[in-house]
Amino acid sequence: MALHSLRFRFVDSPTSYGARRRARRAAWLAETYPELAQMRVLDLGGRVESWAGIPVRPAHVHVVNLEPVPAQLPAWAAADRADACQLPKRIMASRYDLVFSNSVLEHVGGYERRRRMAAAVRELAPAYWVQTPYRYFPIEPHWVAPGMQFLPVPARVAVARRWPLAYTPGKSHEAAMRQVLSTELIGRAELRHLFPDATIRNERLLGLTKSIIAVRIAQ
C-alpha cells in the first residue's frame, strides 16, 4: 500500500507531476491554437470535467467516449456515448474546428481500429491534436512499470496483477488480461502513417520522449 500511494503522489494527485504535465499540455494547446476560446471542439475519449478548469476553454466541447453520458452538463458542453472508431452518422455529419484526443489511441484495439479513428479525426475538422504515450519511453505509463510494454503477454498480465504502482493492483487474471490486450503503445512511424498531414511533436521528460502528439493547424 505504501508503494501504491507513491502513484497517487507522483501521477494522480492534483499537485503531482502528472497534474503539472497535464496543465503544461493545456497551455501548449492554447498556444498552438490561439483561437481556442472561439472553437467548437470534438474530444474523442475525454471527459467534460477535464475542460472545466483549464485556463482557456473552447466555446463548445463535444465529448464522445464509451462511458455513460453525465446526467448534467454545462451549457458549453455536449456528450455522447459512442465508439471513436465507428462514430454515428450524425456525428460524422457534423463539423468542428478542432478534434482533440488525449491518451486514447493506444486503447482502441489494434492497427485497423487506430486507422479508422485517425480517418475520422482527419475528416471531422481542419485541425487536430492527438496525443498518445510513446512506446519507447522506458517506463510504461499506465502501470508505471519499467519496460513492461516490451514483455510477452503472460508477463505483462503478471505485472498488471501484482505491480504495486498499478492504478488498481490485485486484479483478477481475466481483468488484467483484458487491460493488457487493450493497451498497445505505438511509435513515431505509425503515428506519422496514421496522420500524414500532421507535425509530430515530442513531449519530453528528463530529455526523453514520453509522449508523441500529431498536430495539425488549419490552413
Protein backbone atom coordinates (compact mmCIF):
# COMPACT_ATOMS: atom_id res chain seq x y z
CA MET A 1 0.00 0.00 0.00
CA ALA A 2 2.88 2.39 0.75
CA LEU A 3 4.30 1.89 -2.74
CA HIS A 4 0.86 2.29 -4.30
CA SER A 5 0.48 5.64 -2.53
CA LEU A 6 3.54 6.82 -4.46
CA ARG A 7 1.50 6.59 -7.64
CA PHE A 8 -1.08 9.00 -6.22
CA ARG A 9 1.61 11.47 -5.17
CA PHE A 10 3.53 11.34 -8.45
CA VAL A 11 0.79 10.69 -11.03
CA ASP A 12 -2.78 11.12 -9.82
CA SER A 13 -2.94 13.82 -7.11
CA PRO A 14 -3.81 17.45 -8.01
CA THR A 15 -0.26 18.52 -7.10
CA SER A 16 1.54 15.56 -8.75
CA TYR A 17 3.96 15.62 -11.66
CA GLY A 18 1.17 14.14 -13.77
CA ALA A 19 -1.14 17.05 -12.90
CA ARG A 20 1.59 19.60 -13.72
CA ARG A 21 2.24 17.84 -17.04
CA ARG A 22 -1.46 17.98 -17.91
CA ALA A 23 -1.50 21.69 -17.08
CA ARG A 24 1.51 22.30 -19.33
CA ARG A 25 -0.20 20.36 -22.12
CA ALA A 26 -3.31 22.54 -21.75
CA ALA A 27 -1.14 25.65 -22.02
CA TRP A 28 0.62 24.21 -25.07
CA LEU A 29 -2.75 23.51 -26.68
CA ALA A 30 -3.83 27.12 -26.16
CA GLU A 31 -0.53 28.40 -27.61
CA THR A 32 -0.87 26.14 -30.65
CA TYR A 33 -4.45 27.23 -31.35
CA PRO A 34 -4.74 30.95 -30.45
CA GLU A 35 -8.45 30.93 -31.38
CA LEU A 36 -9.21 28.06 -28.97
CA ALA A 37 -11.67 30.13 -26.92
CA GLN A 38 -13.84 30.57 -30.03
CA MET A 39 -13.53 26.99 -31.28
CA ARG A 40 -16.01 24.13 -31.49
CA VAL A 41 -14.03 21.10 -30.26
CA LEU A 42 -14.71 17.37 -30.51
CA ASP A 43 -12.96 15.43 -27.73
CA LEU A 44 -12.66 11.73 -28.54
CA GLY A 45 -12.29 9.69 -25.38
CA GLY A 46 -12.14 12.51 -22.87
CA ARG A 47 -14.37 13.82 -20.09
CA VAL A 48 -16.23 17.10 -19.72
CA GLU A 49 -14.67 17.82 -16.33
CA SER A 50 -11.20 17.83 -17.88
CA TRP A 51 -12.14 21.02 -19.73
CA ALA A 52 -13.76 22.80 -16.80
CA GLY A 53 -10.66 24.11 -15.07
CA ILE A 54 -8.23 24.81 -17.89
CA PRO A 55 -7.03 28.40 -18.48
CA VAL A 56 -8.52 28.63 -22.00
CA ARG A 57 -11.73 26.69 -22.58
CA PRO A 58 -13.25 26.28 -26.06
CA ALA A 59 -16.59 27.90 -26.83
CA HIS A 60 -18.14 24.44 -27.14
CA VAL A 61 -16.83 20.95 -26.34
CA HIS A 62 -18.49 17.77 -27.58
CA VAL A 63 -17.15 14.77 -25.64
CA VAL A 64 -17.51 11.27 -27.09
CA ASN A 65 -16.46 8.17 -25.16
CA LEU A 66 -17.72 4.76 -24.07
CA GLU A 67 -18.86 5.90 -20.64
CA PRO A 68 -22.48 6.73 -19.76
CA VAL A 69 -23.43 10.31 -20.60
CA PRO A 70 -23.36 12.56 -17.49
CA ALA A 71 -26.77 13.44 -16.11
CA GLN A 72 -25.92 17.14 -16.07
CA LEU A 73 -23.74 19.08 -18.47
CA PRO A 74 -22.64 22.72 -18.51
CA ALA A 75 -24.07 24.94 -21.23
CA TRP A 76 -20.80 24.89 -23.14
CA ALA A 77 -20.63 21.07 -23.39
CA ALA A 78 -22.35 18.12 -25.07
CA ALA A 79 -21.65 14.40 -24.64
CA ASP A 80 -22.37 11.16 -26.46
CA ARG A 81 -21.67 7.52 -25.72
CA ALA A 82 -20.09 6.15 -28.88
CA ASP A 83 -17.08 4.35 -30.33
CA ALA A 84 -14.39 6.72 -31.62
CA CYS A 85 -13.51 4.18 -34.32
CA GLN A 86 -17.09 3.87 -35.55
CA LEU A 87 -18.80 7.18 -34.90
CA PRO A 88 -22.53 7.55 -35.55
CA LYS A 89 -23.52 9.18 -38.83
CA ARG A 90 -24.94 12.23 -37.07
CA ILE A 91 -21.53 12.95 -35.53
CA MET A 92 -19.69 12.28 -38.78
CA ALA A 93 -22.09 14.71 -40.48
CA SER A 94 -21.09 17.46 -38.03
CA ARG A 95 -18.11 19.71 -38.42
CA TYR A 96 -15.74 21.00 -35.78
CA ASP A 97 -12.86 23.47 -35.64
CA LEU A 98 -10.62 21.04 -33.76
CA VAL A 99 -10.58 17.34 -32.87
CA PHE A 100 -8.76 16.59 -29.62
CA SER A 101 -7.77 13.22 -28.20
CA ASN A 102 -5.54 12.52 -25.21
CA SER A 103 -4.15 9.06 -24.36
CA VAL A 104 -6.89 7.20 -26.24
CA LEU A 105 -5.31 5.99 -29.48
CA GLU A 106 -3.34 3.27 -27.68
CA HIS A 107 -6.55 1.78 -26.22
CA VAL A 108 -8.85 1.42 -29.24
CA GLY A 109 -7.82 -2.12 -30.18
CA GLY A 110 -5.22 -2.72 -32.88
CA TYR A 111 -3.95 -1.02 -36.02
CA GLU A 112 -7.14 -1.28 -38.09
CA ARG A 113 -9.20 0.47 -35.41
CA ARG A 114 -6.49 3.10 -34.95
CA ARG A 115 -6.66 3.69 -38.71
CA ARG A 116 -10.43 4.17 -38.55
CA MET A 117 -10.14 6.63 -35.67
CA ALA A 118 -7.42 8.58 -37.48
CA ALA A 119 -9.54 8.76 -40.63
CA ALA A 120 -12.48 10.15 -38.63
CA VAL A 121 -10.24 12.71 -36.91
CA ARG A 122 -8.91 13.96 -40.25
CA GLU A 123 -12.41 14.15 -41.76
CA LEU A 124 -14.19 15.93 -38.92
CA ALA A 125 -12.06 19.07 -38.60
CA PRO A 126 -9.32 21.01 -40.37
CA ALA A 127 -7.22 20.95 -37.19
CA TYR A 128 -6.47 18.24 -34.65
CA TRP A 129 -4.34 17.33 -31.63
CA VAL A 130 -3.93 13.59 -30.98
CA GLN A 131 -1.63 12.61 -28.12
CA THR A 132 -0.51 9.10 -27.20
CA PRO A 133 2.23 7.77 -24.87
CA TYR A 134 5.46 6.93 -26.70
CA ARG A 135 6.19 3.21 -26.95
CA TYR A 136 9.93 3.62 -26.47
CA PHE A 137 9.90 5.66 -23.27
CA PRO A 138 11.49 3.32 -20.72
CA ILE A 139 8.55 3.43 -18.26
CA GLU A 140 5.17 2.02 -19.32
CA PRO A 141 2.87 4.90 -18.24
CA HIS A 142 -0.32 3.04 -17.37
CA TRP A 143 1.33 0.78 -14.81
CA VAL A 144 4.41 2.97 -14.13
CA ALA A 145 6.45 -0.19 -14.75
CA PRO A 146 9.92 -0.16 -16.39
CA GLY A 147 9.95 -1.88 -19.78
CA MET A 148 6.58 -3.58 -19.28
CA GLN A 149 5.45 -2.80 -22.86
CA PHE A 150 8.23 -5.00 -24.26
CA LEU A 151 7.33 -8.12 -22.27
CA PRO A 152 5.30 -11.07 -23.66
CA VAL A 153 1.61 -11.05 -22.80
CA PRO A 154 1.78 -13.54 -19.85
CA ALA A 155 4.50 -11.45 -18.19
CA ARG A 156 2.54 -8.22 -18.75
CA VAL A 157 -0.53 -9.83 -17.19
CA ALA A 158 1.54 -10.85 -14.16
CA VAL A 159 2.81 -7.29 -13.81
CA ALA A 160 -0.70 -5.86 -14.24
CA ARG A 161 -1.93 -8.07 -11.40
CA ARG A 162 0.90 -7.59 -8.91
CA TRP A 163 2.86 -4.41 -9.65
CA PRO A 164 2.28 -2.09 -6.65
CA LEU A 165 2.34 1.11 -8.73
CA ALA A 166 -0.53 -0.05 -10.98
CA TYR A 167 -3.64 2.13 -10.82
CA THR A 168 -5.63 -0.75 -9.29
CA PRO A 169 -3.33 -3.64 -8.30
CA GLY A 170 -4.80 -7.00 -7.34
CA LYS A 171 -6.97 -7.56 -10.43
CA SER A 172 -8.20 -10.99 -11.43
CA HIS A 173 -6.31 -12.75 -14.20
CA GLU A 174 -9.18 -12.16 -16.63
CA ALA A 175 -9.42 -8.43 -15.84
CA ALA A 176 -5.66 -8.00 -16.13
CA MET A 177 -5.63 -9.85 -19.45
CA ARG A 178 -8.35 -7.56 -20.86
CA GLN A 179 -6.47 -4.47 -19.72
CA VAL A 180 -3.15 -5.66 -21.13
CA LEU A 181 -4.62 -6.63 -24.51
CA SER A 182 -6.41 -3.30 -24.81
CA THR A 183 -3.24 -1.26 -24.25
CA GLU A 184 -0.90 -1.07 -27.25
CA LEU A 185 1.66 1.73 -27.29
CA ILE A 186 2.86 2.98 -30.67
CA GLY A 187 5.88 4.84 -32.03
CA ARG A 188 6.50 7.82 -34.29
CA ALA A 189 6.47 5.83 -37.55
CA GLU A 190 2.91 4.60 -37.03
CA LEU A 191 1.69 7.99 -35.83
CA ARG A 192 3.13 9.62 -38.97
CA HIS A 193 1.48 6.93 -41.08
CA LEU A 194 -1.90 7.49 -39.42
CA PHE A 195 -1.67 11.28 -39.66
CA PRO A 196 0.43 12.07 -42.75
CA ASP A 197 -0.64 15.73 -42.83
CA ALA A 198 0.41 16.37 -39.20
CA THR A 199 3.51 17.57 -37.45
CA ILE A 200 4.70 15.09 -34.81
CA ARG A 201 5.65 16.81 -31.57
CA ASN A 202 7.55 15.26 -28.68
CA GLU A 203 6.59 15.71 -25.05
CA ARG A 204 9.75 15.08 -23.04
CA LEU A 205 10.69 14.06 -19.52
CA LEU A 206 14.34 14.26 -18.47
CA GLY A 207 15.29 14.70 -22.11
CA LEU A 208 13.48 11.53 -23.24
CA THR A 209 10.32 11.50 -25.35
CA LYS A 210 7.46 10.50 -23.03
CA SER A 211 4.55 11.04 -25.41
CA ILE A 212 4.04 11.95 -29.06
CA ILE A 213 1.41 14.30 -30.46
CA ALA A 214 0.07 14.53 -34.00
CA VAL A 215 -0.70 18.21 -34.50
CA ARG A 216 -2.40 19.85 -37.46
CA ILE A 217 -3.18 23.55 -37.66
CA ALA A 218 -5.90 24.69 -40.05
CA GLN A 219 -4.52 26.40 -43.13
